[in-house]
Amino acid sequence: MFVVLWPKKHDVMLKERQNFIYGLDDENGNILVKGAVRNGVSEEVANKIFDLMIDFASYAFNKSHAAAYAVVAYQTAYLKKYYPVEFMTALITSVVGNNDKVAFYIHACKKMGIEVLPPDVNESEYSFTVIGNKIRFGLGAIKNVGRGAVEAIKEARIKKVLLQVLLISVIK
């Protein structure tokens, strides 16, 4: 039997208690959840067990989330410390569309000693990218430059390179 015990409204928890203790039948009388009483557990013991589960769920839900957030905070701090350019690149890319946050994180990069290179039609991608120990500004962060425009720029780059390779091979 499975009972979901995260924070719920009082009426929902009463229904969960009923299902746990007495079970749940569908409209045709078929048993969907057998329940504690049908499994030979007294109603009094089933109520005590449910109360214990509620108490534990209240504690475990909060503690498990706190532990999960602690793990994420540790991993984030680790990445920022040991991979600062990559971390900041991902962070700035995650806020593209919010110019205030992009500017804030670019300023943070400067304080950290990370150079943010300007946009370049010959090198920039849609997102911010890592170039050595620097960050190349993403074209997607430029106002009114959409993904389609960036894809067209990238295609033009490929055609230019192919033309250059063709010219070099003809000259040789």
Protein backbone atom coordinates (compact mmCIF):
# COMPACT_ATOMS: atom_id res chain seq x y z
CA MET A 1 0.00 0.00 0.00
CA PHE A 2 1.33 3.45 -0.89
CA VAL A 3 0.35 6.68 0.82
CA VAL A 4 1.73 10.03 -0.36
CA LEU A 5 2.50 12.17 2.68
CA TRP A 6 3.71 15.58 1.67
CA PRO A 7 1.94 18.65 3.04
CA LYS A 8 -1.70 18.61 1.99
CA LYS A 9 -4.93 20.26 3.01
CA HIS A 10 -6.75 18.87 6.01
CA ASP A 11 -9.65 17.37 4.01
CA VAL A 12 -7.25 15.59 1.67
CA MET A 13 -5.34 14.11 4.62
CA LEU A 14 -8.61 12.86 6.15
CA LYS A 15 -9.37 11.03 2.90
CA GLU A 16 -5.84 9.59 2.85
CA ARG A 17 -6.36 8.37 6.43
CA GLN A 18 -9.64 6.68 5.42
CA ASN A 19 -7.95 5.01 2.44
CA PHE A 20 -5.04 3.86 4.59
CA ILE A 21 -7.24 2.40 7.33
CA TYR A 22 -10.28 1.07 5.43
CA GLY A 23 -9.01 0.84 1.87
CA LEU A 24 -10.47 2.19 -1.33
CA ASP A 25 -13.01 0.60 -3.66
CA ASP A 26 -14.03 1.76 -7.11
CA GLU A 27 -17.65 2.39 -8.09
CA ASN A 28 -18.13 -1.34 -8.94
CA GLY A 29 -16.92 -2.50 -5.54
CA ASN A 30 -13.52 -3.64 -6.78
CA ILE A 31 -10.78 -3.14 -4.23
CA LEU A 32 -8.23 -0.55 -5.37
CA VAL A 33 -6.42 -0.22 -2.03
CA LYS A 34 -6.90 -3.05 0.49
CA GLY A 35 -6.32 -0.92 3.59
CA ALA A 36 -4.99 -1.82 7.02
CA VAL A 37 -8.23 -3.26 8.46
CA ARG A 38 -8.66 -5.67 5.52
CA ASN A 39 -5.06 -6.72 6.13
CA GLY A 40 -5.87 -7.73 9.70
CA VAL A 41 -4.67 -4.58 11.49
CA SER A 42 -6.99 -3.15 14.11
CA GLU A 43 -8.47 0.28 13.48
CA GLU A 44 -6.76 1.64 16.61
CA VAL A 45 -3.31 0.41 15.55
CA ALA A 46 -3.85 1.63 11.98
CA ASN A 47 -4.69 5.12 13.30
CA LYS A 48 -1.53 5.11 15.43
CA ILE A 49 0.57 4.01 12.46
CA PHE A 50 -0.94 6.72 10.27
CA ASP A 51 -0.26 9.34 12.97
CA LEU A 52 3.38 8.22 13.13
CA MET A 53 3.66 8.46 9.35
CA ILE A 54 2.22 11.98 9.42
CA ASP A 55 4.69 13.03 12.12
CA PHE A 56 7.58 11.51 10.19
CA ALA A 57 6.44 13.02 6.89
CA SER A 58 6.35 16.49 8.41
CA TYR A 59 9.91 16.03 9.62
CA ALA A 60 11.32 14.07 6.67
CA PHE A 61 9.90 16.30 3.98
CA ASN A 62 11.62 19.42 5.36
CA LYS A 63 14.87 17.65 6.29
CA SER A 64 15.17 15.87 2.96
CA HIS A 65 14.70 19.12 1.09
CA ALA A 66 17.23 20.87 3.31
CA ALA A 67 19.71 18.08 2.62
CA ALA A 68 19.07 18.25 -1.13
CA TYR A 69 19.56 22.01 -1.15
CA ALA A 70 22.78 21.59 0.82
CA VAL A 71 24.10 19.19 -1.82
CA VAL A 72 23.18 21.62 -4.61
CA ALA A 73 24.80 24.51 -2.71
CA TYR A 74 27.99 22.49 -2.23
CA GLN A 75 28.12 21.50 -5.90
CA THR A 76 27.47 25.09 -6.97
CA ALA A 77 30.23 26.43 -4.72
CA TYR A 78 32.61 23.74 -6.01
CA LEU A 79 31.93 24.61 -9.65
CA LYS A 80 32.27 28.34 -9.00
CA LYS A 81 35.59 27.81 -7.18
CA TYR A 82 37.25 25.29 -9.53
CA TYR A 83 35.55 26.11 -12.86
CA PRO A 84 34.79 29.83 -12.55
CA VAL A 85 34.77 30.64 -16.28
CA GLU A 86 32.51 27.73 -17.15
CA PHE A 87 30.28 28.41 -14.14
CA MET A 88 29.82 32.09 -14.95
CA THR A 89 29.26 31.29 -18.63
CA ALA A 90 26.41 28.94 -17.73
CA LEU A 91 25.05 31.40 -15.18
CA ILE A 92 24.94 34.30 -17.64
CA THR A 93 23.43 32.09 -20.34
CA SER A 94 20.71 31.03 -17.88
CA VAL A 95 19.50 34.64 -17.53
CA VAL A 96 19.59 35.65 -21.21
CA GLY A 97 16.48 37.73 -21.76
CA ASN A 98 16.91 39.59 -18.47
CA ASN A 99 19.32 42.38 -19.38
CA ASP A 100 19.70 43.58 -15.79
CA LYS A 101 20.86 40.15 -14.62
CA VAL A 102 23.16 39.70 -17.63
CA ALA A 103 24.78 43.05 -16.81
CA PHE A 104 25.00 42.13 -13.12
CA TYR A 105 26.79 38.83 -13.83
CA ILE A 106 29.12 40.40 -16.40
CA HIS A 107 30.08 42.92 -13.72
CA ALA A 108 30.62 40.00 -11.31
CA CYS A 109 32.92 38.40 -13.91
CA LYS A 110 35.01 41.56 -14.06
CA LYS A 111 35.31 41.54 -10.25
CA MET A 112 36.45 37.89 -10.46
CA GLY A 113 39.04 38.75 -13.11
CA ILE A 114 37.18 36.97 -15.90
CA GLU A 115 37.18 38.87 -19.18
CA VAL A 116 33.94 38.92 -21.14
CA LEU A 117 34.73 39.36 -24.82
CA PRO A 118 32.35 41.45 -26.93
CA PRO A 119 29.96 39.84 -29.40
CA ASP A 120 31.65 38.77 -32.63
CA VAL A 121 29.77 37.61 -35.74
CA ASN A 122 32.74 35.40 -36.61
CA GLU A 123 32.94 33.62 -33.22
CA SER A 124 29.86 34.15 -31.04
CA GLU A 125 27.22 31.50 -30.67
CA TYR A 126 23.63 32.04 -29.52
CA SER A 127 24.66 31.38 -25.90
CA PHE A 128 27.65 32.71 -24.02
CA THR A 129 30.65 30.44 -24.62
CA VAL A 130 34.01 29.69 -23.05
CA ILE A 131 37.02 30.80 -25.10
CA GLY A 132 40.14 29.76 -23.18
CA ASN A 133 39.89 31.58 -19.85
CA LYS A 134 37.46 34.16 -21.21
CA ILE A 135 33.77 34.33 -21.99
CA ARG A 136 32.50 35.23 -25.45
CA PHE A 137 29.29 37.27 -25.37
CA GLY A 138 26.32 35.31 -26.74
CA LEU A 139 24.46 36.81 -29.67
CA GLY A 140 21.17 35.70 -28.10
CA ALA A 141 21.67 38.30 -25.36
CA ILE A 142 21.57 41.13 -27.88
CA LYS A 143 18.17 42.79 -28.04
CA ASN A 144 16.09 41.75 -31.07
CA VAL A 145 18.59 39.09 -32.19
CA GLY A 146 16.71 35.82 -32.21
CA ARG A 147 17.83 32.24 -32.63
CA GLY A 148 16.95 32.30 -36.34
CA ALA A 149 19.27 35.24 -36.98
CA VAL A 150 22.09 33.53 -35.12
CA GLU A 151 21.56 30.31 -37.10
CA ALA A 152 21.73 32.32 -40.35
CA ILE A 153 25.00 33.91 -39.19
CA LYS A 154 26.42 30.47 -38.37
CA GLU A 155 25.40 29.12 -41.79
CA ALA A 156 27.08 32.09 -43.47
CA ARG A 157 30.26 31.33 -41.49
CA ILE A 158 30.25 27.73 -42.70
CA LYS A 159 29.74 28.81 -46.31
CA LYS A 160 32.59 31.32 -45.96
CA VAL A 161 34.95 28.66 -44.59
CA LEU A 162 33.97 26.20 -47.33
CA LEU A 163 34.59 28.88 -49.97
CA GLN A 164 38.00 29.65 -48.45
CA VAL A 165 38.95 25.96 -48.41
CA LEU A 166 37.82 25.61 -52.01
CA LEU A 167 39.86 28.68 -53.08
CA ILE A 168 42.97 27.41 -51.26
CA SER A 169 42.71 24.00 -52.91
CA VAL A 170 42.29 25.61 -56.34
CA ILE A 171 45.32 27.89 -55.81
CA LYS A 172 47.54 24.92 -54.82
